[in-house]
N, C-alpha and C. Protein backbone atom coordinates (compact mmCIF):
# COMPACT_ATOMS: atom_id res chain seq x y z
N MET A 1 44.62 141.16 16.35
CA MET A 1 46.14 140.34 15.99
C MET A 1 47.26 140.66 17.27
N ARG A 2 46.95 140.95 18.05
CA ARG A 2 47.91 141.36 19.31
C ARG A 2 48.16 140.07 20.22
N ARG A 3 47.16 139.34 19.81
CA ARG A 3 46.92 138.17 20.69
C ARG A 3 48.53 137.57 20.15
N PHE A 4 48.54 137.40 19.01
CA PHE A 4 49.52 136.71 18.24
C PHE A 4 50.82 137.08 18.04
N TYR A 5 51.15 138.29 18.34
CA TYR A 5 52.65 138.65 18.61
C TYR A 5 53.51 138.01 19.55
N GLY A 6 54.35 137.60 19.22
CA GLY A 6 55.81 137.45 20.04
C GLY A 6 55.17 136.00 20.30
N ARG A 7 54.88 134.92 19.65
CA ARG A 7 54.20 133.66 19.71
C ARG A 7 55.26 132.74 18.86
N SER A 8 55.97 132.01 18.37
CA SER A 8 56.40 131.54 17.70
C SER A 8 55.33 130.24 17.90
N VAL A 9 55.62 129.18 16.72
CA VAL A 9 54.62 128.02 16.58
C VAL A 9 55.09 127.41 17.82
N GLN A 10 56.44 126.73 17.98
CA GLN A 10 56.94 126.06 19.19
C GLN A 10 56.43 126.94 20.36
N ASP A 11 56.06 127.86 20.21
CA ASP A 11 55.53 128.59 21.78
C ASP A 11 54.39 127.97 22.12
N GLN A 12 53.46 128.51 20.94
CA GLN A 12 52.09 128.36 21.22
C GLN A 12 52.04 126.38 21.35
N GLY A 13 52.50 125.97 21.17
CA GLY A 13 52.55 124.26 21.96
C GLY A 13 52.94 124.35 22.92
N ALA A 14 53.68 125.13 23.25
CA ALA A 14 53.94 124.73 24.61
C ALA A 14 53.18 125.59 25.86
N GLN A 15 52.23 126.29 25.41
CA GLN A 15 51.45 127.14 26.26
C GLN A 15 50.42 126.47 26.69
N SER A 16 50.52 124.84 25.63
CA SER A 16 49.16 123.77 26.04
C SER A 16 49.51 122.33 26.57
N ALA A 17 50.30 122.31 27.08
CA ALA A 17 51.16 120.96 28.05
C ALA A 17 51.31 120.00 26.85
N GLN A 18 52.72 120.62 26.26
CA GLN A 18 52.73 119.89 25.17
C GLN A 18 51.67 119.46 23.52
N ALA A 19 51.04 120.60 22.99
CA ALA A 19 50.54 120.45 22.29
C ALA A 19 49.48 119.34 21.92
N PRO A 20 48.47 119.36 23.04
CA PRO A 20 47.78 117.99 22.88
C PRO A 20 46.54 118.03 21.36
N PHE A 21 46.47 117.64 20.89
CA PHE A 21 45.95 117.08 19.78
C PHE A 21 46.13 117.71 18.43
N ARG A 22 47.50 118.19 18.31
CA ARG A 22 47.90 118.49 17.26
C ARG A 22 48.58 117.90 16.56
N CYS A 23 49.19 116.18 16.72
CA CYS A 23 49.05 115.29 15.87
C CYS A 23 47.87 113.87 16.31
N ASP A 24 47.88 113.52 17.59
CA ASP A 24 47.15 112.28 17.85
C ASP A 24 45.42 113.29 18.39
N GLY A 25 44.67 112.06 18.17
CA GLY A 25 43.36 112.60 18.63
C GLY A 25 42.82 111.65 20.33
N PHE A 26 43.88 111.17 20.52
CA PHE A 26 43.79 110.51 22.11
C PHE A 26 45.41 111.04 22.35
N VAL A 27 45.28 112.03 24.16
CA VAL A 27 46.28 112.04 24.49
C VAL A 27 46.19 111.52 26.08
N ARG A 28 46.63 110.07 26.67
CA ARG A 28 46.33 109.71 27.80
C ARG A 28 46.89 110.74 28.53
N ASP A 29 46.25 111.09 29.70
CA ASP A 29 46.80 111.85 30.64
C ASP A 29 47.10 113.21 30.58
N GLY A 30 46.42 114.06 28.84
CA GLY A 30 46.53 115.24 28.47
C GLY A 30 45.77 116.23 29.42
N VAL A 31 46.45 117.25 30.09
CA VAL A 31 45.86 118.82 30.15
C VAL A 31 45.85 119.68 29.22
N ILE A 32 45.42 120.80 29.37
CA ILE A 32 44.86 122.06 29.12
C ILE A 32 45.24 123.16 29.93
N ALA A 33 46.47 123.96 29.28
CA ALA A 33 46.36 125.30 30.56
C ALA A 33 45.22 126.04 30.84
N ALA A 34 44.61 126.62 31.82
CA ALA A 34 43.44 127.38 32.38
C ALA A 34 43.62 128.00 32.85
N PRO A 35 45.00 129.42 32.82
CA PRO A 35 45.65 130.15 33.90
C PRO A 35 44.50 131.05 34.04
N PRO A 36 44.01 131.57 35.42
CA PRO A 36 45.00 131.35 36.07
C PRO A 36 44.75 129.71 37.75
N GLU A 37 44.19 129.20 37.29
CA GLU A 37 43.45 127.76 37.47
C GLU A 37 44.63 126.47 37.38
N GLU A 38 44.37 125.24 37.74
CA GLU A 38 45.03 124.58 37.77
C GLU A 38 45.03 123.84 35.99
N PRO A 39 45.69 123.39 35.32
CA PRO A 39 45.31 122.78 34.43
C PRO A 39 44.02 121.75 34.12
N VAL A 40 43.43 121.81 33.09
CA VAL A 40 42.05 121.18 33.03
C VAL A 40 42.55 119.45 31.99
N PRO A 41 42.05 117.82 32.99
CA PRO A 41 42.84 117.21 31.98
C PRO A 41 41.55 117.72 30.95
N LEU A 42 42.19 116.81 29.79
CA LEU A 42 41.21 116.58 28.43
C LEU A 42 40.17 115.55 28.81
N ARG A 43 40.25 114.51 29.48
CA ARG A 43 39.08 113.50 30.16
C ARG A 43 37.70 113.99 30.71
N VAL A 44 37.98 114.83 30.88
CA VAL A 44 37.01 115.63 31.63
C VAL A 44 35.91 116.40 30.86
N LEU A 45 36.61 116.93 29.59
CA LEU A 45 35.64 117.83 28.39
C LEU A 45 35.05 116.81 28.10
N PRO A 46 33.43 117.34 27.75
CA PRO A 46 32.75 116.77 27.01
C PRO A 46 33.34 115.83 26.14
N ALA A 47 32.42 115.21 25.54
CA ALA A 47 33.30 113.97 24.29
C ALA A 47 33.46 114.88 23.21
N PHE A 48 32.45 115.20 22.71
CA PHE A 48 31.73 116.34 21.29
C PHE A 48 32.55 117.46 21.13
N LEU A 49 32.93 117.91 22.54
CA LEU A 49 33.61 119.08 22.25
C LEU A 49 35.43 118.82 22.08
N ARG A 50 36.08 117.70 22.48
CA ARG A 50 36.88 117.11 22.45
C ARG A 50 37.08 116.83 21.01
N ALA A 51 35.51 116.24 20.09
CA ALA A 51 35.88 115.90 19.00
C ALA A 51 35.86 117.12 18.06
N LEU A 52 35.48 118.44 18.38
CA LEU A 52 36.03 119.92 18.05
C LEU A 52 36.93 120.36 18.11
N LEU A 53 37.80 120.14 19.09
CA LEU A 53 38.99 120.74 19.13
C LEU A 53 40.20 120.07 18.17
N VAL A 54 39.52 118.55 18.22
CA VAL A 54 40.68 118.05 17.19
C VAL A 54 40.41 117.80 15.57
N THR A 55 39.27 117.81 15.23
CA THR A 55 38.63 118.15 14.11
C THR A 55 39.96 118.68 12.69
N ASP A 56 39.82 118.33 11.81
CA ASP A 56 40.56 119.21 10.78
C ASP A 56 39.76 119.49 9.22
N GLY A 57 38.31 119.03 9.86
CA GLY A 57 37.27 119.63 8.96
C GLY A 57 36.79 120.94 9.03
N THR A 58 35.31 121.09 8.70
CA THR A 58 34.65 122.26 8.48
C THR A 58 33.94 122.06 9.81
N VAL A 59 34.40 122.89 10.67
CA VAL A 59 33.26 123.14 12.21
C VAL A 59 32.11 123.44 11.81
N THR A 60 31.86 124.32 11.01
CA THR A 60 29.86 124.43 10.79
C THR A 60 29.77 123.20 10.37
N LYS A 61 30.03 122.40 9.51
CA LYS A 61 28.70 121.32 8.99
C LYS A 61 28.80 119.94 9.96
N ILE A 62 30.07 119.96 10.79
CA ILE A 62 30.16 119.13 11.71
C ILE A 62 29.34 119.49 13.05
N LEU A 63 29.09 121.03 13.05
CA LEU A 63 27.81 121.39 14.13
C LEU A 63 26.63 121.59 13.78
N GLU A 64 26.34 121.46 12.66
CA GLU A 64 24.83 120.89 11.88
C GLU A 64 24.62 119.80 12.20
N ALA A 65 25.49 119.10 11.62
CA ALA A 65 24.98 117.58 12.19
C ALA A 65 24.70 117.23 13.52
N TYR A 66 25.34 117.34 14.51
CA TYR A 66 25.47 116.93 15.76
C TYR A 66 24.05 117.81 16.70
N PHE A 67 24.31 118.89 15.82
CA PHE A 67 22.95 119.91 16.91
C PHE A 67 21.77 119.85 15.85
N TRP A 68 21.37 119.46 14.98
CA TRP A 68 20.66 119.18 13.72
C TRP A 68 19.60 120.54 13.64
N GLU A 69 20.07 121.22 13.12
CA GLU A 69 19.97 122.47 12.89
C GLU A 69 21.11 123.16 12.09
N PRO A 70 20.36 124.39 10.67
CA PRO A 70 21.42 124.73 9.82
C PRO A 70 22.27 125.72 11.01
N VAL A 71 23.53 126.23 10.53
CA VAL A 71 24.63 126.85 11.37
C VAL A 71 25.38 127.81 10.22
N THR A 72 24.89 129.30 10.67
CA THR A 72 25.21 130.56 10.38
C THR A 72 26.40 131.30 10.49
N VAL A 73 27.23 131.72 9.86
CA VAL A 73 28.12 132.01 10.14
C VAL A 73 27.77 134.05 10.16
N ASP A 74 28.08 134.68 11.46
CA ASP A 74 28.03 135.71 11.59
C ASP A 74 29.09 136.80 11.78
N THR A 75 29.65 137.52 10.84
CA THR A 75 30.69 138.07 10.79
C THR A 75 30.38 139.82 12.25
N LEU A 76 30.88 139.41 13.34
CA LEU A 76 30.76 140.85 13.67
C LEU A 76 31.86 141.79 13.67
N GLU A 77 32.82 141.99 13.08
CA GLU A 77 33.82 142.59 12.67
C GLU A 77 34.65 142.30 12.11
N GLN A 78 35.22 142.72 10.61
CA GLN A 78 36.05 142.65 9.68
C GLN A 78 36.92 144.02 9.34
N ARG A 79 38.03 144.16 9.35
CA ARG A 79 39.23 144.85 9.02
C ARG A 79 40.59 144.78 8.55
N PHE A 80 40.51 145.82 7.55
CA PHE A 80 42.50 145.58 7.50
C PHE A 80 43.24 146.17 8.48
N GLU A 81 44.14 145.49 8.95
CA GLU A 81 45.39 145.94 10.00
C GLU A 81 46.65 145.49 9.46
N THR A 82 47.82 146.49 9.56
CA THR A 82 48.83 146.45 9.21
C THR A 82 49.40 145.71 10.68
N ALA A 83 50.55 144.68 10.33
CA ALA A 83 51.20 144.24 12.04
C ALA A 83 52.02 145.23 12.15
N GLU A 84 52.30 144.82 13.62
CA GLU A 84 53.43 145.67 14.13
C GLU A 84 54.51 145.01 14.22
N GLU A 85 54.29 143.67 14.47
CA GLU A 85 55.38 142.83 15.13
C GLU A 85 54.68 141.61 14.44
N PRO A 86 56.12 140.47 14.54
CA PRO A 86 55.30 139.20 13.52
C PRO A 86 54.74 138.60 14.06
N VAL A 87 54.27 137.63 13.54
CA VAL A 87 53.37 136.34 13.40
C VAL A 87 53.72 135.20 12.73
N PRO A 88 54.81 134.51 13.70
CA PRO A 88 55.46 133.35 12.78
C PRO A 88 54.48 132.38 12.26
N ALA A 89 53.53 132.22 12.70
CA ALA A 89 52.95 130.91 12.44
C ALA A 89 52.34 130.71 10.67
N ILE A 90 51.75 132.06 10.62
CA ILE A 90 51.54 132.33 9.07
C ILE A 90 52.66 133.05 8.38
N GLN A 91 53.82 133.03 8.87
CA GLN A 91 55.04 134.10 8.42
C GLN A 91 54.64 135.47 8.21
N ILE A 92 53.58 136.58 9.07
CA ILE A 92 54.05 137.57 8.66
C ILE A 92 54.70 138.27 9.63
N ALA A 93 55.18 139.36 8.43
CA ALA A 93 56.44 140.34 8.92
C ALA A 93 55.83 141.95 9.30
N PRO A 94 56.61 142.50 10.65
CA PRO A 94 55.88 143.91 10.26
C PRO A 94 55.54 144.59 9.10
N GLY A 95 54.99 145.22 9.35
CA GLY A 95 54.36 145.79 8.26
C GLY A 95 53.41 145.30 6.96
N ASP A 96 53.32 144.16 7.41
CA ASP A 96 52.43 143.01 6.47
C ASP A 96 50.72 143.39 6.58
N ARG A 97 50.06 143.75 5.67
CA ARG A 97 48.73 144.08 5.73
C ARG A 97 48.17 142.90 5.77
N CYS A 98 47.16 142.62 6.98
CA CYS A 98 46.13 141.44 6.98
C CYS A 98 44.93 141.69 7.22
N LEU A 99 43.50 140.89 6.72
CA LEU A 99 42.35 141.03 7.04
C LEU A 99 42.47 140.33 8.68
N ILE A 100 41.57 140.88 9.10
CA ILE A 100 41.16 140.48 10.42
C ILE A 100 39.64 140.23 10.30
N ARG A 101 38.92 139.14 11.20
CA ARG A 101 37.69 138.72 11.19
C ARG A 101 36.81 138.71 12.45
N ASP A 102 36.37 138.94 12.98
CA ASP A 102 35.62 138.31 14.16
C ASP A 102 33.95 137.88 13.89
N ALA A 103 34.16 136.44 14.01
CA ALA A 103 32.93 135.70 13.68
C ALA A 103 32.33 135.41 14.96
N ARG A 104 30.98 134.95 14.64
CA ARG A 104 30.23 134.05 15.80
C ARG A 104 29.51 132.34 14.78
N LEU A 105 29.77 131.55 15.31
CA LEU A 105 28.90 130.51 14.88
C LEU A 105 27.59 130.10 15.19
N ARG A 106 25.99 130.58 14.65
CA ARG A 106 25.11 130.90 15.32
C ARG A 106 24.11 129.61 14.40
N GLY A 107 23.48 128.80 15.57
CA GLY A 107 21.91 128.04 15.28
C GLY A 107 20.99 128.73 14.55
N THR A 108 20.40 128.84 13.50
CA THR A 108 19.61 129.45 12.38
C THR A 108 18.30 129.26 13.48
N ASP A 109 18.21 127.85 14.02
CA ASP A 109 16.48 127.58 14.66
C ASP A 109 16.49 127.99 16.19
N SER A 110 17.95 127.57 17.00
CA SER A 110 17.74 127.93 18.57
C SER A 110 18.44 129.46 18.90
N GLY A 111 19.59 129.77 17.85
CA GLY A 111 19.60 130.63 17.80
C GLY A 111 21.05 130.93 18.78
N ARG A 112 20.96 129.64 19.32
CA ARG A 112 22.37 129.19 20.12
C ARG A 112 24.07 129.64 19.50
N SER A 113 24.45 130.63 20.12
CA SER A 113 25.81 130.51 19.89
C SER A 113 27.03 129.38 20.05
N PHE A 114 27.53 128.68 19.16
CA PHE A 114 28.43 127.67 19.18
C PHE A 114 29.69 127.80 19.49
N ALA A 115 30.14 128.97 18.56
CA ALA A 115 31.42 128.97 19.18
C ALA A 115 31.50 130.68 18.24
N GLU A 116 32.86 131.12 18.65
CA GLU A 116 33.36 132.46 18.00
C GLU A 116 34.60 132.28 17.65
N ALA A 117 34.95 133.09 16.84
CA ALA A 117 36.34 132.94 15.74
C ALA A 117 36.21 133.85 15.30
N PHE A 118 38.22 133.98 15.72
CA PHE A 118 39.03 135.48 15.49
C PHE A 118 40.07 134.54 14.26
N SER A 119 39.79 135.09 12.80
CA SER A 119 40.56 134.86 11.55
C SER A 119 41.53 136.02 11.74
N LEU A 120 42.79 135.84 11.52
CA LEU A 120 43.98 136.70 10.36
C LEU A 120 44.38 136.04 9.02
N ILE A 121 44.14 136.60 8.16
CA ILE A 121 44.38 136.43 6.81
C ILE A 121 45.14 136.61 6.25
N ARG A 122 46.08 135.97 5.33
CA ARG A 122 47.05 137.11 4.70
C ARG A 122 46.35 137.00 2.93
N THR A 123 45.47 137.98 2.88
CA THR A 123 44.48 137.46 1.80
C THR A 123 45.41 137.98 0.24
N GLU A 124 46.72 138.35 0.10
CA GLU A 124 47.32 138.17 -1.17
C GLU A 124 47.50 136.79 -1.60
N LEU A 125 47.09 135.94 -0.79
CA LEU A 125 47.30 134.25 -0.36
C LEU A 125 46.72 133.61 -1.36
N ILE A 126 45.24 134.26 -1.50
CA ILE A 126 44.34 133.92 -1.64
C ILE A 126 43.93 133.45 -2.83
N PRO A 127 43.28 132.76 -3.65
CA PRO A 127 43.78 133.04 -5.86
C PRO A 127 42.31 134.10 -5.53
N SER A 128 42.57 135.18 -6.82
CA SER A 128 41.77 136.41 -6.45
C SER A 128 40.43 136.17 -7.44
N GLY A 129 40.14 134.82 -7.66
CA GLY A 129 38.67 134.64 -7.62
C GLY A 129 37.76 134.31 -6.58
N PHE A 130 38.59 133.97 -5.19
CA PHE A 130 37.92 133.95 -3.61
C PHE A 130 37.95 135.29 -3.14
N ARG A 131 39.35 136.37 -3.95
CA ARG A 131 39.90 137.18 -2.52
C ARG A 131 38.95 138.13 -2.44
N GLN A 132 38.17 138.72 -3.42
CA GLN A 132 36.96 139.73 -2.91
C GLN A 132 36.07 139.89 -2.56
N ARG A 133 35.44 138.18 -2.66
CA ARG A 133 34.34 137.66 -2.41
C ARG A 133 34.62 137.75 -0.79
N LEU A 134 35.51 136.94 -0.37
CA LEU A 134 36.05 136.83 0.80
C LEU A 134 36.16 138.14 1.92
N ILE A 135 36.18 139.13 0.73
CA ILE A 135 37.07 140.41 1.60
C ILE A 135 35.22 141.31 2.03
N ASP A 136 34.35 140.72 0.92
CA ASP A 136 33.32 141.52 0.81
C ASP A 136 32.49 140.46 1.56
N ARG A 137 32.69 139.70 2.48
CA ARG A 137 31.75 138.65 3.02
C ARG A 137 30.65 137.84 2.62
N GLU A 138 31.21 137.64 1.46
CA GLU A 138 30.21 136.82 0.41
C GLU A 138 30.12 135.44 0.87
N ILE A 139 31.58 134.84 1.42
CA ILE A 139 32.01 133.62 1.21
C ILE A 139 32.42 133.30 2.77
N GLY A 140 32.59 132.26 3.35
CA GLY A 140 32.65 132.05 4.82
C GLY A 140 34.51 131.12 3.91
N ILE A 141 35.27 131.29 5.23
CA ILE A 141 36.72 130.53 5.70
C ILE A 141 36.82 128.89 5.14
N GLY A 142 35.44 128.39 5.73
CA GLY A 142 35.18 127.07 5.53
C GLY A 142 34.88 126.52 4.23
N VAL A 143 33.64 127.36 3.63
CA VAL A 143 33.09 127.50 2.16
C VAL A 143 34.54 127.66 0.71
N LEU A 144 35.25 128.53 1.45
CA LEU A 144 36.26 128.73 0.22
C LEU A 144 37.16 127.66 0.41
N ILE A 145 37.41 127.25 1.52
CA ILE A 145 38.41 125.98 1.68
C ILE A 145 38.01 124.55 0.72
N ARG A 146 36.64 124.57 1.36
CA ARG A 146 35.94 123.65 0.60
C ARG A 146 35.79 123.30 -1.02
N ASP A 147 35.45 124.65 -1.23
CA ASP A 147 35.34 124.83 -2.69
C ASP A 147 36.33 125.23 -3.89
N SER A 148 36.95 125.36 -3.34
CA SER A 148 37.91 126.17 -4.18
C SER A 148 39.20 124.97 -4.85
N GLY A 149 38.87 123.72 -4.15
CA GLY A 149 39.30 122.96 -4.65
C GLY A 149 41.03 123.06 -4.78
N LEU A 150 41.97 123.78 -3.59
CA LEU A 150 43.02 123.80 -3.10
C LEU A 150 43.42 123.31 -2.30
N GLU A 151 44.58 122.43 -2.10
CA GLU A 151 45.46 121.76 -1.52
C GLU A 151 45.76 122.48 -0.35
N SER A 152 45.13 122.03 0.88
CA SER A 152 44.71 122.72 2.19
C SER A 152 45.54 121.26 3.68
N TYR A 153 45.86 122.00 4.73
CA TYR A 153 45.50 121.27 6.07
C TYR A 153 45.59 121.90 6.84
N ARG A 154 45.06 121.90 8.11
CA ARG A 154 44.69 122.43 9.36
C ARG A 154 45.31 121.57 9.98
N GLU A 155 46.55 122.43 10.79
CA GLU A 155 47.35 121.94 11.72
C GLU A 155 47.08 123.05 12.99
N VAL A 156 46.69 122.42 14.00
CA VAL A 156 46.07 122.40 15.50
C VAL A 156 47.74 122.90 15.82
N LEU A 157 47.92 124.18 16.80
CA LEU A 157 48.67 124.61 17.29
C LEU A 157 48.87 124.48 18.70
N ASP A 158 47.16 125.24 19.36
CA ASP A 158 47.25 125.07 20.57
C ASP A 158 45.91 125.07 21.16
N VAL A 159 45.91 124.64 22.38
CA VAL A 159 44.42 124.08 22.88
C VAL A 159 44.75 124.93 24.59
N GLY A 160 43.50 125.74 24.92
CA GLY A 160 43.53 125.94 26.39
C GLY A 160 42.47 126.76 26.53
N MET A 161 42.13 126.61 27.71
CA MET A 161 40.99 127.96 28.75
C MET A 161 40.64 129.03 28.17
N ASP A 162 39.98 129.65 27.80
CA ASP A 162 39.43 131.00 28.44
C ASP A 162 38.46 131.39 28.51
N VAL A 163 37.96 132.81 28.46
CA VAL A 163 36.95 133.52 28.87
C VAL A 163 35.94 133.72 27.73
N SER A 164 34.90 133.37 27.40
CA SER A 164 34.20 133.98 26.04
C SER A 164 33.16 134.97 26.49
N SER A 165 32.74 135.78 24.98
CA SER A 165 32.19 136.99 25.25
C SER A 165 31.55 137.00 26.29
N ASP A 166 30.52 136.42 26.56
CA ASP A 166 29.48 136.29 27.98
C ASP A 166 30.17 136.27 28.95
N GLY A 167 31.35 136.33 29.17
CA GLY A 167 31.83 136.07 30.30
C GLY A 167 32.36 134.29 31.16
N GLY A 168 31.44 133.69 30.54
CA GLY A 168 31.77 132.45 30.79
C GLY A 168 32.60 131.48 29.99
N ALA A 169 33.09 130.35 30.70
CA ALA A 169 34.44 129.62 30.45
C ALA A 169 34.28 129.08 29.37
N ALA A 170 35.11 128.97 28.20
CA ALA A 170 35.35 128.57 26.75
C ALA A 170 36.67 128.04 26.56
N VAL A 171 36.41 126.68 26.15
CA VAL A 171 37.35 125.72 25.45
C VAL A 171 38.04 126.52 24.08
N CYS A 172 39.55 126.69 24.03
CA CYS A 172 39.66 127.47 23.04
C CYS A 172 40.59 126.57 21.96
N ARG A 173 41.12 126.67 20.43
CA ARG A 173 41.62 125.97 20.12
C ARG A 173 42.19 127.11 19.04
N THR A 174 43.33 127.03 18.65
CA THR A 174 44.48 127.64 17.73
C THR A 174 45.02 127.08 16.56
N TYR A 175 44.51 127.32 15.25
CA TYR A 175 45.35 126.24 14.44
C TYR A 175 45.37 127.35 13.25
N ARG A 176 46.32 126.86 12.07
CA ARG A 176 46.95 127.13 11.18
C ARG A 176 46.24 126.58 10.10
N ILE A 177 45.79 127.01 8.80
CA ILE A 177 45.52 126.90 7.61
C ILE A 177 46.36 126.89 6.71
N ILE A 178 47.14 125.74 6.02
CA ILE A 178 48.12 125.85 5.39
C ILE A 178 47.57 125.52 3.83
N ILE A 179 47.63 126.22 3.13
CA ILE A 179 46.77 126.21 0.87
C ILE A 179 47.95 126.06 0.68
N GLU A 180 48.83 125.03 -0.43
CA GLU A 180 48.90 125.26 -1.55
C GLU A 180 50.71 125.35 -0.53
N ARG A 181 50.80 124.74 0.03
CA ARG A 181 52.29 124.39 1.43
C ARG A 181 52.17 125.79 1.97
N ARG A 182 51.70 126.93 1.95
CA ARG A 182 51.59 127.84 2.54
C ARG A 182 51.01 128.59 3.31
N PRO A 183 51.72 128.92 4.96
CA PRO A 183 50.27 129.23 5.37
C PRO A 183 49.81 130.46 5.51
N VAL A 184 48.86 130.58 5.61
CA VAL A 184 47.46 131.19 5.09
C VAL A 184 46.71 132.46 5.72
N ILE A 185 46.51 131.17 6.68
CA ILE A 185 45.28 131.81 7.38
C ILE A 185 45.43 131.04 8.37
N LEU A 186 45.20 132.31 10.16
CA LEU A 186 45.63 131.15 11.39
C LEU A 186 44.18 132.05 12.00
N ILE A 187 43.30 130.44 12.57
CA ILE A 187 42.32 130.87 13.79
C ILE A 187 42.04 130.44 15.08
N THR A 188 41.78 131.13 15.73
CA THR A 188 41.73 130.83 17.40
C THR A 188 39.88 130.59 17.38
N GLU A 189 39.43 129.78 17.85
CA GLU A 189 37.91 129.48 17.86
C GLU A 189 37.68 129.28 19.33
N CYS A 190 36.73 129.90 20.01
CA CYS A 190 36.26 129.80 21.76
C CYS A 190 34.70 128.93 21.29
N PHE A 191 34.98 127.51 21.80
CA PHE A 191 33.71 127.10 22.16
C PHE A 191 33.41 127.22 24.01
N PRO A 192 31.73 127.91 23.66
CA PRO A 192 31.11 127.95 25.41
C PRO A 192 31.14 126.10 25.87
N LEU A 193 32.03 126.55 27.28
CA LEU A 193 32.09 125.15 27.87
C LEU A 193 30.52 124.94 28.27
N ALA A 194 29.81 126.03 28.90
CA ALA A 194 28.75 125.51 29.54
C ALA A 194 27.73 124.64 28.58
N LEU A 195 27.90 125.15 27.10
CA LEU A 195 26.78 125.03 26.14
C LEU A 195 26.94 123.45 25.91
N TYR A 196 28.74 122.70 25.66
CA TYR A 196 29.00 121.48 25.71
C TYR A 196 28.79 120.48 26.47
N ALA A 197 28.42 121.11 27.47
CA ALA A 197 28.24 120.34 28.66
C ALA A 197 27.20 120.23 29.14
N GLY A 198 26.28 121.12 29.00
CA GLY A 198 24.54 120.60 28.85
C GLY A 198 24.65 119.57 27.84
N GLU A 199 25.45 119.26 26.90
CA GLU A 199 24.96 118.84 25.80
C GLU A 199 25.28 116.76 25.95
N ARG A 200 26.11 116.79 26.90
CA ARG A 200 26.61 115.58 27.11
C ARG A 200 25.69 114.51 26.33
N ASP A 201 24.42 114.24 26.93
CA ASP A 201 23.43 113.74 26.41
C ASP A 201 22.67 113.14 25.01
N VAL A 202 22.92 114.34 23.91
CA VAL A 202 22.30 114.59 23.13
C VAL A 202 22.60 113.45 22.21
N THR A 203 21.53 112.89 21.53
CA THR A 203 21.98 111.76 20.57
C THR A 203 21.24 112.19 19.31
């Protein structure tokens, strides 16, 4: 949860050179932050990776269609945590109790890790019919949104470079999911750059 402390929605946009992909799918001369290195031009990223950064659909389904294999969500860690500082992006105040989830999107045939995801969830705002299933890991966030029939919207807040769990470069995006006009979930997804760079010629 600490990665989100002290950052307003405006701050998150400022971290990524005027928030590329927040409103548009094409940002001429756009760059993303890559501290401590120089910013990385968006045009040099693999095309499919750019599409993943901008999508407002279910990432798992897009990965399955592109890599043509089933993709499963492995929950690496899940816990409840009490916020020590505000998280304005989803209106969390100090003392609020939130569900934290670390997950990996893995191809079931190849075993490849396509993405890592860190989620911060205001479970009290999720309908009771889905809340316990989410807590019990019976249902993923994407499935929850797709099958719930709730009005929802995904807003990209930040795009930048980071280090993946295996020590390699990763391109990450942070977005919030607004359900019935209330910000409920904050997610950071990281995609290993080497894997997607190696997939440039996949058809």
